[in-house]
Protein backbone atom coordinates (compact mmCIF):
# COMPACT_ATOMS: atom_id res chain seq x y z
CA MET A 1 4.82 6.42 34.28
CA THR A 2 8.11 4.93 34.73
CA GLU A 3 10.32 3.43 31.69
CA ALA A 4 9.56 0.07 31.51
CA GLU A 5 5.54 0.71 31.74
CA LEU A 6 5.99 2.85 28.78
CA ALA A 7 8.33 0.53 26.78
CA GLN A 8 5.49 -1.91 27.60
CA LYS A 9 3.37 0.57 26.16
CA PHE A 10 5.32 1.10 22.57
CA VAL A 11 5.35 -3.05 22.85
CA GLU A 12 1.25 -3.23 22.81
CA TYR A 13 1.10 -1.10 20.09
CA LEU A 14 3.58 -1.56 17.55
CA GLN A 15 3.44 -6.11 18.13
CA ASP A 16 0.09 -6.37 16.02
CA GLN A 17 1.70 -4.86 12.73
CA TYR A 18 5.66 -5.56 13.50
CA GLU A 19 8.01 -7.95 14.49
CA LEU A 20 10.08 -6.65 17.47
CA TYR A 21 13.50 -6.85 18.76
CA PHE A 22 15.30 -5.44 21.70
CA GLU A 23 18.13 -3.73 22.92
CA VAL A 24 19.59 -3.99 19.33
CA GLU A 25 23.04 -2.31 19.56
CA GLY A 26 21.94 0.21 22.03
CA VAL A 27 18.43 0.79 21.02
CA ASP A 28 15.52 -0.18 22.90
CA ILE A 29 13.36 -1.51 20.65
CA VAL A 30 13.23 -1.87 17.00
CA ALA A 31 9.72 -2.45 14.73
CA LYS A 32 10.40 -4.38 11.86
CA ASN A 33 7.79 -4.73 8.79
CA GLY A 34 9.07 -5.87 5.15
CA HIS A 35 11.15 -2.98 4.92
CA ILE A 36 10.19 -0.76 7.22
CA LEU A 37 12.72 -0.09 10.63
CA ILE A 38 11.50 2.05 13.16
CA ALA A 39 13.74 2.48 16.40
CA VAL A 40 12.75 3.57 19.52
CA GLU A 41 14.84 4.85 22.68
CA VAL A 42 12.22 4.96 25.89
CA LYS A 43 12.85 7.63 27.55
CA THR A 44 10.18 9.44 29.37
CA SER A 45 10.56 11.92 27.27
CA LEU A 46 8.96 10.15 24.36
CA ASN A 47 12.80 10.76 22.58
CA PHE A 48 12.41 8.48 19.08
CA ARG A 49 15.40 8.02 17.65
CA VAL A 50 15.04 8.98 13.76
CA ILE A 51 16.33 6.92 11.04
CA GLU A 52 18.65 7.63 8.76
CA GLN A 53 17.13 6.53 5.90
CA ALA A 54 14.13 4.48 5.50
CA TYR A 55 13.83 2.44 2.31
CA LYS A 56 10.03 1.49 0.42
CA SER A 57 9.59 -1.08 -2.38
CA LYS A 58 6.52 -1.30 -4.37
CA VAL A 59 6.85 -3.99 -7.62
CA PHE A 60 3.76 -3.25 -8.93
CA ASN A 61 2.53 0.19 -9.53
CA TYR A 62 -1.27 -0.91 -8.91
CA ALA A 63 -0.52 -1.78 -5.51
CA THR A 64 -1.33 0.14 -2.56
CA GLU A 65 0.26 2.52 -1.41
CA ASP A 66 1.79 2.50 2.45
CA LYS A 67 0.71 4.90 4.57
CA THR A 68 3.02 4.47 7.34
CA ILE A 69 4.40 7.47 8.93
CA ILE A 70 8.14 6.85 9.05
CA ASN A 71 10.50 8.76 11.56
CA ALA A 72 13.60 9.22 8.85
CA ASP A 73 15.81 11.85 7.37
CA GLN A 74 15.15 10.57 4.28
CA ILE A 75 13.01 8.31 2.53
CA ILE A 76 14.00 6.23 -0.39
CA GLU A 77 10.84 4.92 -3.03
CA GLY A 78 12.26 1.91 -5.19
CA GLY A 79 11.15 -0.90 -7.16
CA ALA A 80 9.03 -0.92 -10.42
CA GLY A 81 5.60 0.28 -8.42
CA TYR A 82 6.81 3.94 -8.25
CA ASN A 83 10.08 3.69 -11.69
CA TYR A 84 12.54 2.10 -13.40
CA VAL A 85 15.20 3.12 -11.45
CA LYS A 86 17.99 0.58 -11.86
CA LEU A 87 19.72 -0.60 -8.91
CA HIS A 88 23.43 0.62 -8.36
CA LYS A 89 25.98 -1.70 -9.64
CA GLU A 90 27.08 -2.53 -5.97
CA ILE A 91 23.38 -3.17 -4.67
CA GLU A 92 22.87 -5.37 -7.83
CA HIS A 93 25.68 -7.76 -7.21
CA SER A 94 25.77 -8.08 -3.84
CA LEU A 95 24.75 -11.35 -1.49
CA PRO A 96 21.29 -11.35 -0.32
CA ASP A 97 20.76 -10.94 3.46
CA TYR A 98 19.50 -14.20 3.57
CA GLY A 99 18.73 -13.91 7.37
CA LEU A 100 16.31 -11.40 6.96
CA TYR A 101 13.57 -13.10 6.07
CA ASN A 102 15.09 -16.88 6.91
CA TYR A 103 14.57 -18.38 2.68
CA PRO A 104 16.15 -20.99 2.88
CA HIS A 105 17.17 -20.54 -1.27
CA ALA A 106 19.50 -18.24 -3.23
CA LEU A 107 18.29 -15.83 -5.02
CA GLY A 108 19.02 -13.78 -7.98
CA PHE A 109 19.15 -13.10 -11.36
CA LEU A 110 21.93 -14.74 -14.17
CA THR A 111 20.40 -12.43 -16.72
CA ARG A 112 18.45 -9.53 -17.24
CA GLY A 113 16.10 -8.25 -19.55
CA CYS A 114 14.47 -9.90 -22.73
CA ILE A 115 13.66 -10.37 -25.88
CA ARG A 116 10.59 -10.33 -26.57
CA LYS A 117 8.14 -6.98 -26.30
CA CYS A 118 4.80 -8.47 -24.96
CA TYR A 119 2.70 -5.99 -24.20
CA PHE A 120 1.73 -6.68 -21.15
CA CYS A 121 4.87 -6.73 -19.86
CA ILE A 122 7.15 -4.07 -18.02
CA VAL A 123 10.40 -6.14 -18.54
CA PRO A 124 11.91 -4.04 -21.99
CA GLN A 125 11.28 -0.68 -20.24
CA LYS A 126 12.33 -1.75 -16.86
CA GLU A 127 16.15 -3.92 -17.78
CA GLY A 128 16.27 -3.51 -21.56
CA ILE A 129 17.73 -5.77 -23.82
CA LEU A 130 18.68 -9.43 -22.64
CA LYS A 131 22.39 -9.17 -21.36
CA ALA A 132 24.24 -11.84 -18.73
CA ASN A 133 23.91 -10.19 -15.32
CA THR A 134 26.16 -12.57 -12.36
CA ASP A 135 28.02 -16.50 -12.26
CA ILE A 136 25.23 -17.82 -9.96
CA ASP A 137 28.41 -18.25 -7.50
CA GLU A 138 27.67 -14.58 -6.47
CA PHE A 139 24.75 -15.43 -4.76
CA LEU A 140 24.11 -19.09 -4.09
CA ASP A 141 26.56 -18.86 -0.97
CA LYS A 142 27.03 -22.73 -0.28
CA ARG A 143 23.22 -23.28 -0.99
CA LYS A 144 22.43 -26.49 -2.43
CA THR A 145 18.68 -24.75 -4.12
CA ALA A 146 17.69 -21.77 -6.21
CA VAL A 147 15.12 -19.59 -7.32
CA LEU A 148 16.06 -17.66 -10.32
CA MET A 149 13.87 -14.87 -11.16
CA ASP A 150 15.44 -14.25 -15.14
CA ASN A 151 12.77 -13.39 -17.73
CA ASN A 152 14.61 -15.79 -20.91
CA VAL A 153 17.37 -17.30 -19.73
CA LEU A 154 17.05 -19.27 -22.46
CA ALA A 155 17.33 -16.42 -24.91
CA SER A 156 21.03 -15.94 -23.32
CA ASN A 157 24.51 -18.09 -24.34
CA HIS A 158 25.64 -16.86 -20.56
CA GLY A 159 22.17 -18.06 -19.59
CA LEU A 160 22.80 -21.80 -20.97
CA GLU A 161 26.52 -21.73 -19.79
CA GLN A 162 24.83 -20.87 -16.49
CA ILE A 163 22.76 -24.03 -16.58
CA GLU A 164 25.52 -26.34 -17.75
CA LYS A 165 27.44 -24.83 -14.03
CA ILE A 166 23.81 -25.76 -12.46
CA ILE A 167 24.30 -28.83 -13.68
CA LYS A 168 27.16 -29.52 -12.32
CA LEU A 169 26.77 -28.58 -9.20
CA GLY A 170 23.76 -30.45 -8.33
CA ILE A 171 21.88 -27.26 -7.47
CA LYS A 172 17.84 -27.76 -7.31
CA VAL A 173 16.83 -24.36 -9.36
CA ASP A 174 13.26 -22.88 -9.95
CA PHE A 175 13.32 -20.58 -12.75
CA ASN A 176 9.95 -19.19 -11.37
CA GLN A 177 9.18 -16.43 -13.92
CA GLY A 178 8.88 -19.24 -16.99
CA LEU A 179 11.18 -20.65 -19.58
CA ASP A 180 10.37 -19.65 -23.11
CA ALA A 181 7.92 -22.17 -25.12
CA ARG A 182 9.22 -20.85 -28.05
CA ILE A 183 12.57 -21.50 -27.58
CA ILE A 184 12.35 -25.02 -25.86
CA SER A 185 9.96 -26.05 -29.20
CA ALA A 186 12.83 -24.91 -31.87
CA ASN A 187 15.83 -26.27 -29.99
CA SER A 188 15.94 -30.54 -28.81
CA ASP A 189 19.32 -29.62 -27.70
CA ILE A 190 17.82 -27.09 -25.06
CA ALA A 191 15.20 -29.66 -24.37
CA LYS A 192 18.04 -32.17 -23.39
CA LEU A 193 19.70 -29.99 -21.62
CA LEU A 194 16.58 -28.95 -19.24
CA SER A 195 16.23 -32.40 -18.63
CA ARG A 196 19.12 -32.47 -16.70
CA VAL A 197 18.47 -30.35 -14.31
CA LYS A 198 17.11 -30.98 -11.16
CA TRP A 199 14.22 -28.87 -10.22
CA LEU A 200 13.45 -27.03 -7.00
CA LYS A 201 9.60 -27.08 -8.51
CA PRO A 202 7.87 -28.18 -11.91
CA LEU A 203 9.27 -26.56 -15.14
CA ARG A 204 7.10 -23.09 -15.95
CA MET A 205 5.83 -22.04 -18.65
CA ALA A 206 3.25 -19.74 -20.15
CA CYS A 207 0.69 -20.05 -22.91
CA ASP A 208 -0.76 -16.13 -23.50
CA ASN A 209 -3.03 -16.86 -26.75
CA LYS A 210 -4.47 -19.60 -28.51
CA ASN A 211 -1.49 -18.82 -31.01
CA GLN A 212 0.97 -20.57 -28.48
CA MET A 213 -0.56 -23.47 -28.15
CA GLN A 214 1.03 -25.60 -30.63
CA VAL A 215 4.18 -23.75 -29.75
CA VAL A 216 3.37 -25.51 -25.63
CA GLN A 217 2.32 -28.67 -27.36
CA SER A 218 6.08 -29.33 -28.85
CA ALA A 219 7.94 -27.87 -26.41
CA VAL A 220 6.20 -30.20 -23.92
CA GLU A 221 6.62 -32.99 -25.58
CA LYS A 222 10.30 -32.70 -26.34
CA LEU A 223 10.79 -32.10 -22.68
CA ARG A 224 9.10 -35.59 -21.65
CA LYS A 225 10.97 -37.19 -24.59
CA TYR A 226 14.49 -36.29 -22.94
CA GLY A 227 12.91 -37.11 -19.70
CA ALA A 228 12.76 -33.10 -17.70
CA THR A 229 10.62 -33.81 -14.47
CA PRO A 230 9.02 -33.85 -12.59
CA ARG A 231 6.22 -34.06 -16.05
CA GLN A 232 3.38 -32.07 -15.05
CA TYR A 233 4.92 -28.67 -16.01
CA PHE A 234 3.33 -26.05 -15.08
CA VAL A 235 1.89 -22.83 -17.34
CA TYR A 236 0.99 -19.73 -16.86
CA MET A 237 -2.29 -18.43 -18.51
CA LEU A 238 -3.22 -14.82 -19.67
CA VAL A 239 -6.54 -14.41 -18.92
CA THR A 240 -8.55 -11.65 -21.06
CA ASP A 241 -10.93 -13.23 -23.40
CA ILE A 242 -12.98 -15.80 -21.59
CA ASP A 243 -13.62 -18.05 -24.45
CA ASP A 244 -9.83 -18.14 -25.00
CA ALA A 245 -8.44 -18.79 -21.86
CA LEU A 246 -11.39 -21.47 -21.81
CA GLU A 247 -9.77 -23.07 -24.93
CA ARG A 248 -6.45 -23.07 -23.80
CA PHE A 249 -7.57 -24.33 -20.42
CA TYR A 250 -8.57 -27.64 -21.41
CA PHE A 251 -5.95 -28.20 -24.09
CA LEU A 252 -2.88 -27.64 -20.73
CA ARG A 253 -5.72 -30.10 -19.24
CA ASN A 254 -5.61 -32.19 -21.81
CA LEU A 255 -1.30 -32.05 -21.96
CA LYS A 256 -1.78 -33.43 -18.49
CA VAL A 257 0.08 -30.19 -17.69
CA ASP A 258 -0.72 -27.13 -14.79
CA PRO A 259 -2.68 -24.61 -15.79
CA PHE A 260 -2.40 -21.81 -13.69
CA ALA A 261 -4.81 -18.29 -14.72
CA GLN A 262 -3.54 -14.46 -14.32
CA PRO A 263 -6.19 -11.79 -15.38
CA LEU A 264 -4.52 -8.97 -16.77
CA ILE A 265 -4.19 -6.11 -14.28
CA SER A 266 -2.38 -2.80 -14.54
CA ASN A 267 -2.67 0.53 -12.74
CA VAL A 268 -5.38 1.26 -15.72
CA ILE A 269 -6.91 -2.23 -16.61
CA THR A 270 -8.89 -3.81 -13.15
CA PRO A 271 -9.83 -7.38 -13.93
CA THR A 272 -13.59 -7.73 -14.19
CA LYS A 273 -15.01 -10.27 -12.00
CA GLU A 274 -15.92 -13.42 -14.40
CA GLN A 275 -12.22 -12.99 -15.39
CA LYS A 276 -11.05 -13.26 -11.67
CA ARG A 277 -13.87 -16.08 -11.08
CA PHE A 278 -12.68 -18.06 -14.23
CA ALA A 279 -8.89 -17.87 -12.81
CA ARG A 280 -10.55 -19.12 -8.94
CA PHE A 281 -12.02 -21.97 -11.26
CA VAL A 282 -8.88 -22.90 -13.02
CA ASN A 283 -6.63 -22.11 -9.83
CA THR A 284 -8.66 -24.67 -7.47
CA ARG A 285 -7.84 -27.82 -7.46
CA GLN A 286 -11.24 -29.39 -6.07
CA LEU A 287 -13.20 -27.38 -9.01
CA ARG A 288 -10.40 -29.78 -11.58
CA ASN A 289 -13.65 -31.88 -12.39
CA VAL A 290 -16.07 -29.16 -12.77
CA SER A 291 -17.05 -27.91 -15.88
CA TRP A 292 -17.04 -23.63 -16.44
CA ASP A 293 -20.56 -24.26 -17.57
CA ASP A 294 -21.40 -25.39 -14.40
CA TYR A 295 -19.16 -23.46 -12.06
CA LYS A 296 -20.04 -19.86 -13.43
CA TYR A 297 -23.68 -19.84 -13.41
CA LYS A 298 -23.66 -20.80 -8.95
């Protein structure tokens, strides 16, 4: 078998699961799947190039373990799915390689941590108390849009200063972990501040139990009063008890916001079939004219 024929065999074997690149810095074939890289130097002796370090990342501890065999001297596992080890400062503050996935938006954390201690959230253990993390210029890379992953940016003076800067820069943003409705409800100045932001996606909040309904309503009313657009805000709903969640769902629909149901899940808690069914009922737009009683028995 010639080396060209052998190379074709490797291509056929790898192409369904990996993105393939050829002749990369002297390596014949580089196969990439997420954070997994396999480098192949094609020889008739089947001589594989050994990777010095390979990195595996897992966000959730209940996520399926990747069983791919990696030919590397050292495999480093990280992310909350494995441990709560914090990134080295130099890595935390390095510019993301946006070219890896041709991702169009800037990505980063203005703050780390949270002032809350929600029983279902790992942020207090993983990131600790709320603290300033970085300036948006550090990871903006001259982009005009940014996805910000802060857990409670409104509770931070640094975070509020950064939002002012975002407004001045004219950047469109999405705080994809949501904004604290309790803080917006309690402070009209923050609602006014958010009304000046250009939103990449509708502003996000959460209503995780019935006790938060009036706070969410107050926050929505303040945001609309001061003109935060688009006005159909996105509201996460934690789903444990179905009756409780159903009451919140109809309440949020009456507020003309967009609810999104998330059943509680962890390494020791698996969502029930009814919770999954309820989430599908809430999250499927085509079912908005169907009642839960009509849907759950079908």
